[in-house]
Amino acid sequence: MRRTHETTVDADLLIVVMQIEQAKPLELAYTALARMAATAGDGDAAVEAINRGLQAGVPPKIRGFVPALLAYAVAGETEKAFQVHWRCHSCCDTAVIVITMFSLLLV
């Protein structure tokens, strides 16, 4: 399944509303964007959502990386899953190893 136009519009709208309202960017908002992208089967967009959060000054939590890991695992893209693992490992604690191994078991 690929990311739909509606998913892209919803994700961008959420960020625009946060900016217009001058709301403090929340980690959970970017995690929600990653989940929407992963649900549509787009692991790259899930990673991009977390990157957008980093650019906004929002440090990610492990839960932000899980959608991308699962999307890559379901798609059989183990190399990309390992890249996310190392990126996550530099930002989060070592529990990521368990998440990565779990996601790779799904392949």
C-alpha atoms as a PDB file:
ATOM      1  CA  MET A   1       0.000   0.000   0.000  1.00  0.00           C
ATOM      2  CA  ARG A   2       1.330   3.454  -0.864  1.00  0.00           C
ATOM      3  CA  ARG A   3       0.790   6.781   0.814  1.00  0.00           C
ATOM      4  CA  THR A   4      -2.387   8.433  -0.377  1.00  0.00           C
ATOM      5  CA  HIS A   5      -2.907  12.061  -1.247  1.00  0.00           C
ATOM      6  CA  GLU A   6      -5.267  12.428   1.721  1.00  0.00           C
ATOM      7  CA  THR A   7      -2.589  11.220   4.142  1.00  0.00           C
ATOM      8  CA  THR A   8      -0.130  13.763   2.802  1.00  0.00           C
ATOM      9  CA  VAL A   9      -2.660  16.580   3.060  1.00  0.00           C
ATOM     10  CA  ASP A  10      -3.623  15.605   6.631  1.00  0.00           C
ATOM     11  CA  ALA A  11       0.015  15.443   7.732  1.00  0.00           C
ATOM     12  CA  ASP A  12       0.907  18.776   6.199  1.00  0.00           C
ATOM     13  CA  LEU A  13      -2.250  20.392   7.572  1.00  0.00           C
ATOM     14  CA  LEU A  14      -1.362  19.355  11.109  1.00  0.00           C
ATOM     15  CA  ILE A  15       2.060  21.008  10.860  1.00  0.00           C
ATOM     16  CA  VAL A  16       0.617  24.152   9.242  1.00  0.00           C
ATOM     17  CA  VAL A  17      -2.008  24.529  11.978  1.00  0.00           C
ATOM     18  CA  MET A  18       0.675  24.152  14.660  1.00  0.00           C
ATOM     19  CA  GLN A  19       2.725  26.881  12.967  1.00  0.00           C
ATOM     20  CA  ILE A  20      -0.227  29.244  12.455  1.00  0.00           C
ATOM     21  CA  GLU A  21      -1.331  28.873  16.055  1.00  0.00           C
ATOM     22  CA  GLN A  22       2.296  29.302  17.142  1.00  0.00           C
ATOM     23  CA  ALA A  23       1.860  26.169  19.188  1.00  0.00           C
ATOM     24  CA  LYS A  24       4.900  24.566  20.721  1.00  0.00           C
ATOM     25  CA  PRO A  25       5.780  21.600  18.498  1.00  0.00           C
ATOM     26  CA  LEU A  26       4.983  18.341  20.254  1.00  0.00           C
ATOM     27  CA  GLU A  27       6.846  15.070  19.809  1.00  0.00           C
ATOM     28  CA  LEU A  28       3.517  13.268  19.753  1.00  0.00           C
ATOM     29  CA  ALA A  29       2.348  15.269  16.705  1.00  0.00           C
ATOM     30  CA  TYR A  30       5.346  14.133  14.689  1.00  0.00           C
ATOM     31  CA  THR A  31       4.889  10.577  15.940  1.00  0.00           C
ATOM     32  CA  ALA A  32       1.284  10.728  14.705  1.00  0.00           C
ATOM     33  CA  LEU A  33       2.546  11.840  11.293  1.00  0.00           C
ATOM     34  CA  ALA A  34       4.968   8.917  11.254  1.00  0.00           C
ATOM     35  CA  ARG A  35       2.144   6.539  12.153  1.00  0.00           C
ATOM     36  CA  MET A  36      -0.067   7.865   9.357  1.00  0.00           C
ATOM     37  CA  ALA A  37       2.724   7.397   6.834  1.00  0.00           C
ATOM     38  CA  ALA A  38       3.548   3.896   8.089  1.00  0.00           C
ATOM     39  CA  THR A  39      -0.119   2.908   7.984  1.00  0.00           C
ATOM     40  CA  ALA A  40      -0.071   3.849   4.315  1.00  0.00           C
ATOM     41  CA  GLY A  41       3.005   1.630   3.878  1.00  0.00           C
ATOM     42  CA  ASP A  42       5.490   4.466   3.434  1.00  0.00           C
ATOM     43  CA  GLY A  43       8.453   3.940   5.753  1.00  0.00           C
ATOM     44  CA  ASP A  44      10.430   6.735   4.111  1.00  0.00           C
ATOM     45  CA  ALA A  45       7.683   9.255   4.898  1.00  0.00           C
ATOM     46  CA  ALA A  46       7.570   7.957   8.479  1.00  0.00           C
ATOM     47  CA  VAL A  47      11.288   8.690   8.844  1.00  0.00           C
ATOM     48  CA  GLU A  48      10.768  12.078   7.210  1.00  0.00           C
ATOM     49  CA  ALA A  49       8.112  12.929   9.820  1.00  0.00           C
ATOM     50  CA  ILE A  50      10.615  12.300  12.598  1.00  0.00           C
ATOM     51  CA  ASN A  51      13.225  14.339  10.707  1.00  0.00           C
ATOM     52  CA  ARG A  52      10.744  17.213  10.463  1.00  0.00           C
ATOM     53  CA  GLY A  53      10.328  17.038  14.224  1.00  0.00           C
ATOM     54  CA  LEU A  54      14.090  17.149  14.711  1.00  0.00           C
ATOM     55  CA  GLN A  55      14.276  20.216  12.464  1.00  0.00           C
ATOM     56  CA  ALA A  56      11.578  21.846  14.605  1.00  0.00           C
ATOM     57  CA  GLY A  57      13.688  21.198  17.697  1.00  0.00           C
ATOM     58  CA  VAL A  58      11.649  18.265  18.974  1.00  0.00           C
ATOM     59  CA  PRO A  59      13.795  15.391  20.239  1.00  0.00           C
ATOM     60  CA  PRO A  60      12.272  12.051  19.193  1.00  0.00           C
ATOM     61  CA  LYS A  61      11.316   9.217  21.469  1.00  0.00           C
ATOM     62  CA  ILE A  62      11.456   5.525  20.641  1.00  0.00           C
ATOM     63  CA  ARG A  63       7.757   5.480  19.763  1.00  0.00           C
ATOM     64  CA  GLY A  64       8.479   7.875  16.898  1.00  0.00           C
ATOM     65  CA  PHE A  65      10.753   5.385  15.172  1.00  0.00           C
ATOM     66  CA  VAL A  66       8.558   2.301  15.595  1.00  0.00           C
ATOM     67  CA  PRO A  67       6.193   3.128  12.686  1.00  0.00           C
ATOM     68  CA  ALA A  68       9.090   3.342  10.222  1.00  0.00           C
ATOM     69  CA  LEU A  69      10.617   0.133  11.557  1.00  0.00           C
ATOM     70  CA  LEU A  70       7.344  -1.719  11.155  1.00  0.00           C
ATOM     71  CA  ALA A  71       6.671  -0.289   7.682  1.00  0.00           C
ATOM     72  CA  TYR A  72      10.131  -1.374   6.536  1.00  0.00           C
ATOM     73  CA  ALA A  73       9.741  -4.783   8.131  1.00  0.00           C
ATOM     74  CA  VAL A  74       6.411  -5.426   6.433  1.00  0.00           C
ATOM     75  CA  ALA A  75       7.889  -4.268   3.101  1.00  0.00           C
ATOM     76  CA  GLY A  76      10.905  -6.554   3.593  1.00  0.00           C
ATOM     77  CA  GLU A  77      13.324  -3.611   3.564  1.00  0.00           C
ATOM     78  CA  THR A  78      15.645  -4.847   6.298  1.00  0.00           C
ATOM     79  CA  GLU A  79      18.531  -2.579   5.294  1.00  0.00           C
ATOM     80  CA  LYS A  80      16.382   0.508   5.821  1.00  0.00           C
ATOM     81  CA  ALA A  81      15.141  -0.909   9.130  1.00  0.00           C
ATOM     82  CA  PHE A  82      18.729  -1.224  10.326  1.00  0.00           C
ATOM     83  CA  GLN A  83      19.436   2.352   9.220  1.00  0.00           C
ATOM     84  CA  VAL A  84      16.502   3.522  11.336  1.00  0.00           C
ATOM     85  CA  HIS A  85      17.813   1.419  14.210  1.00  0.00           C
ATOM     86  CA  TRP A  86      21.186   3.160  14.190  1.00  0.00           C
ATOM     87  CA  ARG A  87      19.572   6.572  13.851  1.00  0.00           C
ATOM     88  CA  CYS A  88      17.264   5.798  16.729  1.00  0.00           C
ATOM     89  CA  HIS A  89      20.084   4.357  18.812  1.00  0.00           C
ATOM     90  CA  SER A  90      21.910   7.684  18.632  1.00  0.00           C
ATOM     91  CA  CYS A  91      18.789   9.547  19.856  1.00  0.00           C
ATOM     92  CA  CYS A  92      17.188   7.098  22.274  1.00  0.00           C
ATOM     93  CA  ASP A  93      18.111   4.427  24.768  1.00  0.00           C
ATOM     94  CA  THR A  94      19.157   0.861  24.028  1.00  0.00           C
ATOM     95  CA  ALA A  95      15.620  -0.524  24.123  1.00  0.00           C
ATOM     96  CA  VAL A  96      15.597   0.198  20.391  1.00  0.00           C
ATOM     97  CA  ILE A  97      17.545  -2.983  19.759  1.00  0.00           C
ATOM     98  CA  VAL A  98      14.580  -4.987  21.029  1.00  0.00           C
ATOM     99  CA  ILE A  99      12.189  -3.015  18.821  1.00  0.00           C
ATOM    100  CA  THR A 100      14.356  -3.534  15.760  1.00  0.00           C
ATOM    101  CA  MET A 101      14.680  -7.255  16.339  1.00  0.00           C
ATOM    102  CA  PHE A 102      10.923  -7.546  16.856  1.00  0.00           C
ATOM    103  CA  SER A 103      10.174  -5.664  13.654  1.00  0.00           C
ATOM    104  CA  LEU A 104      12.582  -7.788  11.657  1.00  0.00           C
ATOM    105  CA  LEU A 105      10.858 -10.943  12.877  1.00  0.00           C
ATOM    106  CA  LEU A 106       7.779  -9.755  11.011  1.00  0.00           C
ATOM    107  CA  VAL A 107       9.582 -10.012   7.689  1.00  0.00           C
END
